[in-house]
């Protein structure tokens, strides 16, 4: 009964015109996933890019879970390492490093190392 009420509240709180992928923590070793499409479109329209991406994410979750898990663990470790490095730098050093980044596109980062390098 409570699960049904929770689901009804979840659905009622969704804004229209969006795609949702909701992960609910069950315990430290498991979670549940819900996906919603609150867009309104006619049957003759093309499938929107957002729907394709949402479907792809669901497909990956169902069939390549280990790869996603490994990527999440790697990213979590990386972010923890970056946080530790930033703690060791003072604010001026962090600002200087950030100022050297010219652009980020996907996984490509352009950095200005200066004339001496």
N, C-alpha and C. Protein backbone atom coordinates (compact mmCIF):
# COMPACT_ATOMS: atom_id res chain seq x y z
N UNK A 1 0.82 -1.19 0.00
CA UNK A 1 0.00 0.00 0.00
C UNK A 1 0.87 1.26 0.00
N UNK A 2 1.87 1.31 0.87
CA UNK A 2 2.75 2.48 0.95
C UNK A 2 3.52 2.66 -0.35
N UNK A 3 3.99 1.56 -0.95
CA UNK A 3 4.72 1.64 -2.22
C UNK A 3 3.85 2.24 -3.32
N UNK A 4 2.58 1.88 -3.34
CA UNK A 4 1.66 2.40 -4.35
C UNK A 4 1.44 3.91 -4.14
N UNK A 5 1.30 4.34 -2.92
CA UNK A 5 1.12 5.76 -2.62
C UNK A 5 2.39 6.53 -2.98
N UNK A 6 3.56 5.97 -2.64
CA UNK A 6 4.82 6.61 -2.99
C UNK A 6 4.96 6.78 -4.50
N UNK A 7 4.59 5.74 -5.25
CA UNK A 7 4.68 5.81 -6.72
C UNK A 7 3.71 6.87 -7.26
N UNK A 8 2.51 6.93 -6.72
CA UNK A 8 1.55 7.94 -7.16
C UNK A 8 2.05 9.36 -6.88
N UNK A 9 2.67 9.55 -5.71
CA UNK A 9 3.24 10.86 -5.38
C UNK A 9 4.41 11.20 -6.31
N UNK A 10 5.24 10.20 -6.61
CA UNK A 10 6.36 10.42 -7.53
C UNK A 10 5.86 10.86 -8.89
N UNK A 11 4.90 10.14 -9.43
CA UNK A 11 4.35 10.46 -10.75
C UNK A 11 3.68 11.83 -10.74
N UNK A 12 2.97 12.15 -9.68
CA UNK A 12 2.27 13.44 -9.59
C UNK A 12 3.25 14.61 -9.53
N UNK A 13 4.48 14.36 -9.04
CA UNK A 13 5.44 15.46 -8.89
C UNK A 13 6.27 15.72 -10.15
N UNK A 14 6.11 14.90 -11.18
CA UNK A 14 6.90 15.06 -12.41
C UNK A 14 6.37 16.22 -13.25
N UNK A 15 7.29 17.02 -13.75
CA UNK A 15 6.91 18.12 -14.64
C UNK A 15 6.73 17.60 -16.05
N UNK A 16 5.86 18.23 -16.82
CA UNK A 16 5.63 17.78 -18.19
C UNK A 16 6.78 18.25 -19.08
N UNK A 17 6.95 17.56 -20.19
CA UNK A 17 7.97 17.93 -21.16
C UNK A 17 9.37 17.49 -20.79
N UNK A 18 9.48 16.44 -19.98
CA UNK A 18 10.80 15.98 -19.53
C UNK A 18 10.89 14.46 -19.57
N UNK A 19 12.15 14.00 -19.53
CA UNK A 19 12.45 12.59 -19.36
C UNK A 19 13.05 12.42 -17.98
N UNK A 20 12.65 11.39 -17.28
CA UNK A 20 13.16 11.14 -15.93
C UNK A 20 13.73 9.73 -15.85
N UNK A 21 14.88 9.62 -15.22
CA UNK A 21 15.44 8.34 -14.84
C UNK A 21 15.72 8.46 -13.35
N UNK A 22 14.93 7.77 -12.54
CA UNK A 22 14.99 7.91 -11.09
C UNK A 22 15.55 6.63 -10.49
N UNK A 23 16.60 6.80 -9.70
CA UNK A 23 17.21 5.69 -8.99
C UNK A 23 16.88 5.84 -7.51
N UNK A 24 16.26 4.82 -6.95
CA UNK A 24 15.90 4.82 -5.53
C UNK A 24 16.79 3.85 -4.78
N UNK A 25 17.38 4.33 -3.71
CA UNK A 25 18.26 3.50 -2.89
C UNK A 25 17.42 2.55 -2.05
N UNK A 26 17.61 1.24 -2.22
CA UNK A 26 16.92 0.26 -1.39
C UNK A 26 17.73 -0.02 -0.13
N UNK A 27 19.00 -0.29 -0.30
CA UNK A 27 19.95 -0.47 0.79
C UNK A 27 21.33 -0.24 0.20
N UNK A 28 22.38 -0.56 0.94
CA UNK A 28 23.73 -0.24 0.45
C UNK A 28 24.13 -1.08 -0.76
N UNK A 29 23.44 -2.18 -1.02
CA UNK A 29 23.81 -3.07 -2.12
C UNK A 29 22.80 -3.12 -3.26
N UNK A 30 21.71 -2.35 -3.17
CA UNK A 30 20.72 -2.45 -4.24
C UNK A 30 19.95 -1.14 -4.39
N UNK A 31 19.35 -0.99 -5.56
CA UNK A 31 18.53 0.17 -5.86
C UNK A 31 17.47 -0.27 -6.87
N UNK A 32 16.46 0.58 -7.02
CA UNK A 32 15.46 0.33 -8.06
C UNK A 32 15.50 1.52 -9.02
N UNK A 33 15.01 1.28 -10.21
CA UNK A 33 15.05 2.30 -11.26
C UNK A 33 13.66 2.47 -11.85
N UNK A 34 13.29 3.74 -12.06
CA UNK A 34 12.05 4.07 -12.75
C UNK A 34 12.37 5.07 -13.85
N UNK A 35 11.71 4.93 -14.99
CA UNK A 35 11.91 5.87 -16.09
C UNK A 35 10.54 6.41 -16.50
N UNK A 36 10.50 7.71 -16.76
CA UNK A 36 9.25 8.35 -17.15
C UNK A 36 9.49 9.28 -18.34
N UNK A 37 8.53 9.35 -19.21
CA UNK A 37 8.51 10.29 -20.33
C UNK A 37 7.23 11.11 -20.17
N UNK A 38 7.39 12.38 -19.83
CA UNK A 38 6.21 13.23 -19.63
C UNK A 38 5.97 14.16 -20.81
N UNK A 39 6.56 13.84 -21.95
CA UNK A 39 6.37 14.63 -23.16
C UNK A 39 5.08 14.22 -23.85
N UNK A 40 4.46 15.17 -24.49
CA UNK A 40 3.25 14.90 -25.29
C UNK A 40 3.62 15.12 -26.74
N UNK A 41 3.41 14.12 -27.57
CA UNK A 41 3.72 14.25 -28.99
C UNK A 41 2.72 13.40 -29.78
N UNK A 42 2.56 13.78 -31.04
CA UNK A 42 1.63 13.01 -31.86
C UNK A 42 2.31 11.76 -32.39
N UNK A 43 1.53 10.81 -32.82
CA UNK A 43 2.04 9.52 -33.26
C UNK A 43 2.88 9.61 -34.53
N UNK A 44 2.70 10.65 -35.32
CA UNK A 44 3.41 10.78 -36.59
C UNK A 44 4.75 11.50 -36.48
N UNK A 45 5.07 12.01 -35.29
CA UNK A 45 6.33 12.75 -35.14
C UNK A 45 7.51 11.78 -35.00
N UNK A 46 8.70 12.31 -35.27
CA UNK A 46 9.92 11.51 -35.12
C UNK A 46 10.18 11.24 -33.65
N UNK A 47 10.95 10.19 -33.39
CA UNK A 47 11.31 9.89 -32.01
C UNK A 47 12.37 10.91 -31.58
N UNK A 48 12.12 11.64 -30.49
CA UNK A 48 13.06 12.68 -30.06
C UNK A 48 14.37 12.09 -29.53
N UNK A 49 15.44 12.89 -29.63
CA UNK A 49 16.76 12.46 -29.18
C UNK A 49 16.75 12.07 -27.69
N UNK A 50 16.01 12.83 -26.88
CA UNK A 50 15.94 12.52 -25.45
C UNK A 50 15.38 11.14 -25.19
N UNK A 51 14.39 10.73 -25.96
CA UNK A 51 13.79 9.40 -25.81
C UNK A 51 14.80 8.32 -26.21
N UNK A 52 15.56 8.58 -27.26
CA UNK A 52 16.58 7.63 -27.70
C UNK A 52 17.63 7.45 -26.60
N UNK A 53 18.08 8.57 -26.01
CA UNK A 53 19.10 8.51 -24.96
C UNK A 53 18.55 7.80 -23.73
N UNK A 54 17.33 8.11 -23.32
CA UNK A 54 16.73 7.43 -22.17
C UNK A 54 16.63 5.94 -22.42
N UNK A 55 16.21 5.55 -23.61
CA UNK A 55 16.13 4.13 -23.96
C UNK A 55 17.51 3.48 -23.93
N UNK A 56 18.52 4.20 -24.43
CA UNK A 56 19.89 3.68 -24.42
C UNK A 56 20.41 3.49 -23.01
N UNK A 57 20.12 4.44 -22.12
CA UNK A 57 20.55 4.31 -20.73
C UNK A 57 19.90 3.09 -20.06
N UNK A 58 18.63 2.90 -20.32
CA UNK A 58 17.94 1.74 -19.76
C UNK A 58 18.54 0.45 -20.30
N UNK A 59 18.82 0.42 -21.60
CA UNK A 59 19.44 -0.75 -22.22
C UNK A 59 20.79 -1.06 -21.57
N UNK A 60 21.60 -0.03 -21.39
CA UNK A 60 22.91 -0.23 -20.76
C UNK A 60 22.76 -0.72 -19.32
N UNK A 61 21.81 -0.15 -18.59
CA UNK A 61 21.60 -0.59 -17.21
C UNK A 61 21.20 -2.06 -17.16
N UNK A 62 20.39 -2.49 -18.10
CA UNK A 62 19.92 -3.87 -18.10
C UNK A 62 20.97 -4.87 -18.60
N UNK A 63 21.79 -4.46 -19.57
CA UNK A 63 22.67 -5.43 -20.22
C UNK A 63 24.17 -5.19 -20.02
N UNK A 64 24.56 -4.03 -19.57
CA UNK A 64 25.98 -3.74 -19.36
C UNK A 64 26.19 -3.15 -17.97
N UNK A 65 25.51 -3.69 -16.99
CA UNK A 65 25.55 -3.12 -15.65
C UNK A 65 26.97 -3.09 -15.09
N UNK A 66 27.73 -4.15 -15.32
CA UNK A 66 29.09 -4.22 -14.76
C UNK A 66 29.97 -3.09 -15.32
N UNK A 67 29.83 -2.79 -16.59
CA UNK A 67 30.60 -1.71 -17.20
C UNK A 67 30.23 -0.37 -16.57
N UNK A 68 28.94 -0.14 -16.37
CA UNK A 68 28.48 1.10 -15.74
C UNK A 68 28.97 1.17 -14.30
N UNK A 69 28.90 0.06 -13.59
CA UNK A 69 29.37 0.00 -12.21
C UNK A 69 30.86 0.36 -12.15
N UNK A 70 31.66 -0.27 -13.01
CA UNK A 70 33.10 -0.01 -13.03
C UNK A 70 33.40 1.45 -13.36
N UNK A 71 32.66 2.02 -14.30
CA UNK A 71 32.85 3.43 -14.65
C UNK A 71 32.48 4.33 -13.47
N UNK A 72 31.43 4.00 -12.77
CA UNK A 72 31.02 4.78 -11.59
C UNK A 72 32.05 4.71 -10.48
N UNK A 73 32.59 3.52 -10.25
CA UNK A 73 33.63 3.37 -9.23
C UNK A 73 34.87 4.17 -9.62
N UNK A 74 35.28 4.08 -10.88
CA UNK A 74 36.45 4.82 -11.35
C UNK A 74 36.24 6.33 -11.20
N UNK A 75 35.07 6.82 -11.58
CA UNK A 75 34.80 8.25 -11.47
C UNK A 75 34.78 8.69 -10.01
N UNK A 76 34.20 7.89 -9.14
CA UNK A 76 34.15 8.22 -7.72
C UNK A 76 35.56 8.30 -7.14
N UNK A 77 36.42 7.35 -7.51
CA UNK A 77 37.81 7.38 -7.05
C UNK A 77 38.54 8.59 -7.60
N UNK A 78 38.32 8.91 -8.87
CA UNK A 78 38.97 10.06 -9.49
C UNK A 78 38.56 11.35 -8.78
N UNK A 79 37.26 11.53 -8.56
CA UNK A 79 36.78 12.74 -7.90
C UNK A 79 37.32 12.86 -6.48
N UNK A 80 37.43 11.73 -5.78
CA UNK A 80 38.01 11.74 -4.44
C UNK A 80 39.48 12.15 -4.49
N UNK A 81 40.21 11.66 -5.49
CA UNK A 81 41.62 12.01 -5.65
C UNK A 81 41.77 13.49 -5.97
N UNK A 82 40.93 14.02 -6.85
CA UNK A 82 40.97 15.44 -7.20
C UNK A 82 40.69 16.29 -5.96
N UNK A 83 39.73 15.88 -5.18
CA UNK A 83 39.40 16.62 -3.96
C UNK A 83 40.59 16.64 -3.00
N UNK A 84 41.28 15.53 -2.88
CA UNK A 84 42.46 15.47 -2.01
C UNK A 84 43.58 16.35 -2.53
N UNK A 85 43.76 16.39 -3.82
CA UNK A 85 44.80 17.24 -4.41
C UNK A 85 44.47 18.70 -4.18
N UNK A 86 43.22 19.09 -4.37
CA UNK A 86 42.83 20.48 -4.19
C UNK A 86 42.99 20.93 -2.75
N UNK A 87 42.80 20.02 -1.81
CA UNK A 87 42.97 20.36 -0.41
C UNK A 87 44.42 20.72 -0.14
N UNK A 88 45.36 20.06 -0.83
CA UNK A 88 46.78 20.31 -0.63
C UNK A 88 47.24 21.60 -1.29
N UNK A 89 46.51 22.11 -2.27
CA UNK A 89 46.86 23.36 -2.95
C UNK A 89 46.19 24.52 -2.23
N UNK A 90 46.84 25.69 -2.22
CA UNK A 90 46.15 26.84 -1.67
C UNK A 90 45.24 27.44 -2.75
N UNK A 91 44.40 28.36 -2.37
CA UNK A 91 43.39 28.91 -3.28
C UNK A 91 44.01 29.55 -4.52
N UNK A 92 45.14 30.25 -4.37
CA UNK A 92 45.77 30.89 -5.52
C UNK A 92 46.25 29.86 -6.55
N UNK A 93 46.80 28.74 -6.06
CA UNK A 93 47.27 27.69 -6.97
C UNK A 93 46.11 27.05 -7.72
N UNK A 94 45.00 26.84 -7.04
CA UNK A 94 43.81 26.26 -7.68
C UNK A 94 43.30 27.22 -8.75
N UNK A 95 43.19 28.51 -8.42
CA UNK A 95 42.71 29.50 -9.38
C UNK A 95 43.63 29.57 -10.60
N UNK A 96 44.95 29.51 -10.37
CA UNK A 96 45.91 29.56 -11.46
C UNK A 96 45.75 28.35 -12.38
N UNK A 97 45.55 27.17 -11.80
CA UNK A 97 45.37 25.95 -12.61
C UNK A 97 44.09 26.03 -13.42
N UNK A 98 43.01 26.52 -12.82
CA UNK A 98 41.73 26.64 -13.51
C UNK A 98 41.83 27.64 -14.65
N UNK A 99 42.56 28.74 -14.43
CA UNK A 99 42.70 29.78 -15.46
C UNK A 99 43.44 29.27 -16.70
N UNK A 100 44.25 28.21 -16.57
CA UNK A 100 45.01 27.68 -17.70
C UNK A 100 44.16 26.83 -18.63
N UNK A 101 42.99 26.40 -18.17
CA UNK A 101 42.10 25.60 -19.01
C UNK A 101 41.43 26.52 -20.01
N UNK A 102 41.70 26.27 -21.29
CA UNK A 102 41.14 27.10 -22.36
C UNK A 102 39.74 26.66 -22.74
N UNK A 103 39.52 25.33 -22.85
CA UNK A 103 38.20 24.83 -23.22
C UNK A 103 38.08 23.36 -22.88
N UNK A 104 36.83 22.91 -22.73
CA UNK A 104 36.53 21.50 -22.51
C UNK A 104 35.47 21.10 -23.51
N UNK A 105 35.74 20.05 -24.28
CA UNK A 105 34.77 19.52 -25.22
C UNK A 105 34.80 18.00 -25.08
N UNK A 106 33.73 17.45 -24.52
CA UNK A 106 33.72 16.00 -24.30
C UNK A 106 34.85 15.63 -23.36
N UNK A 107 35.68 14.71 -23.81
CA UNK A 107 36.81 14.30 -22.97
C UNK A 107 38.11 14.98 -23.40
N UNK A 108 38.02 16.08 -24.16
CA UNK A 108 39.19 16.82 -24.62
C UNK A 108 39.27 18.13 -23.84
N UNK A 109 40.40 18.35 -23.20
CA UNK A 109 40.62 19.57 -22.44
C UNK A 109 41.84 20.27 -23.03
N UNK A 110 41.67 21.52 -23.47
CA UNK A 110 42.77 22.32 -24.01
C UNK A 110 43.31 23.18 -22.88
N UNK A 111 44.64 23.08 -22.65
CA UNK A 111 45.28 23.78 -21.55
C UNK A 111 46.41 24.64 -22.07
N UNK A 112 46.55 25.85 -21.53
CA UNK A 112 47.67 26.73 -21.85
C UNK A 112 48.75 26.52 -20.79
N UNK A 113 49.83 25.85 -21.14
CA UNK A 113 50.91 25.58 -20.21
C UNK A 113 51.92 26.73 -20.15
N UNK A 114 51.75 27.74 -20.95
CA UNK A 114 52.67 28.88 -20.96
C UNK A 114 53.73 28.73 -22.03
N UNK A 115 54.56 29.76 -22.19
CA UNK A 115 55.57 29.78 -23.23
C UNK A 115 56.77 28.90 -22.91
N UNK A 116 57.08 28.70 -21.63
CA UNK A 116 58.28 27.95 -21.24
C UNK A 116 58.16 26.46 -21.52
N UNK A 117 56.99 25.91 -21.59
CA UNK A 117 56.82 24.49 -21.85
C UNK A 117 56.91 24.27 -23.32
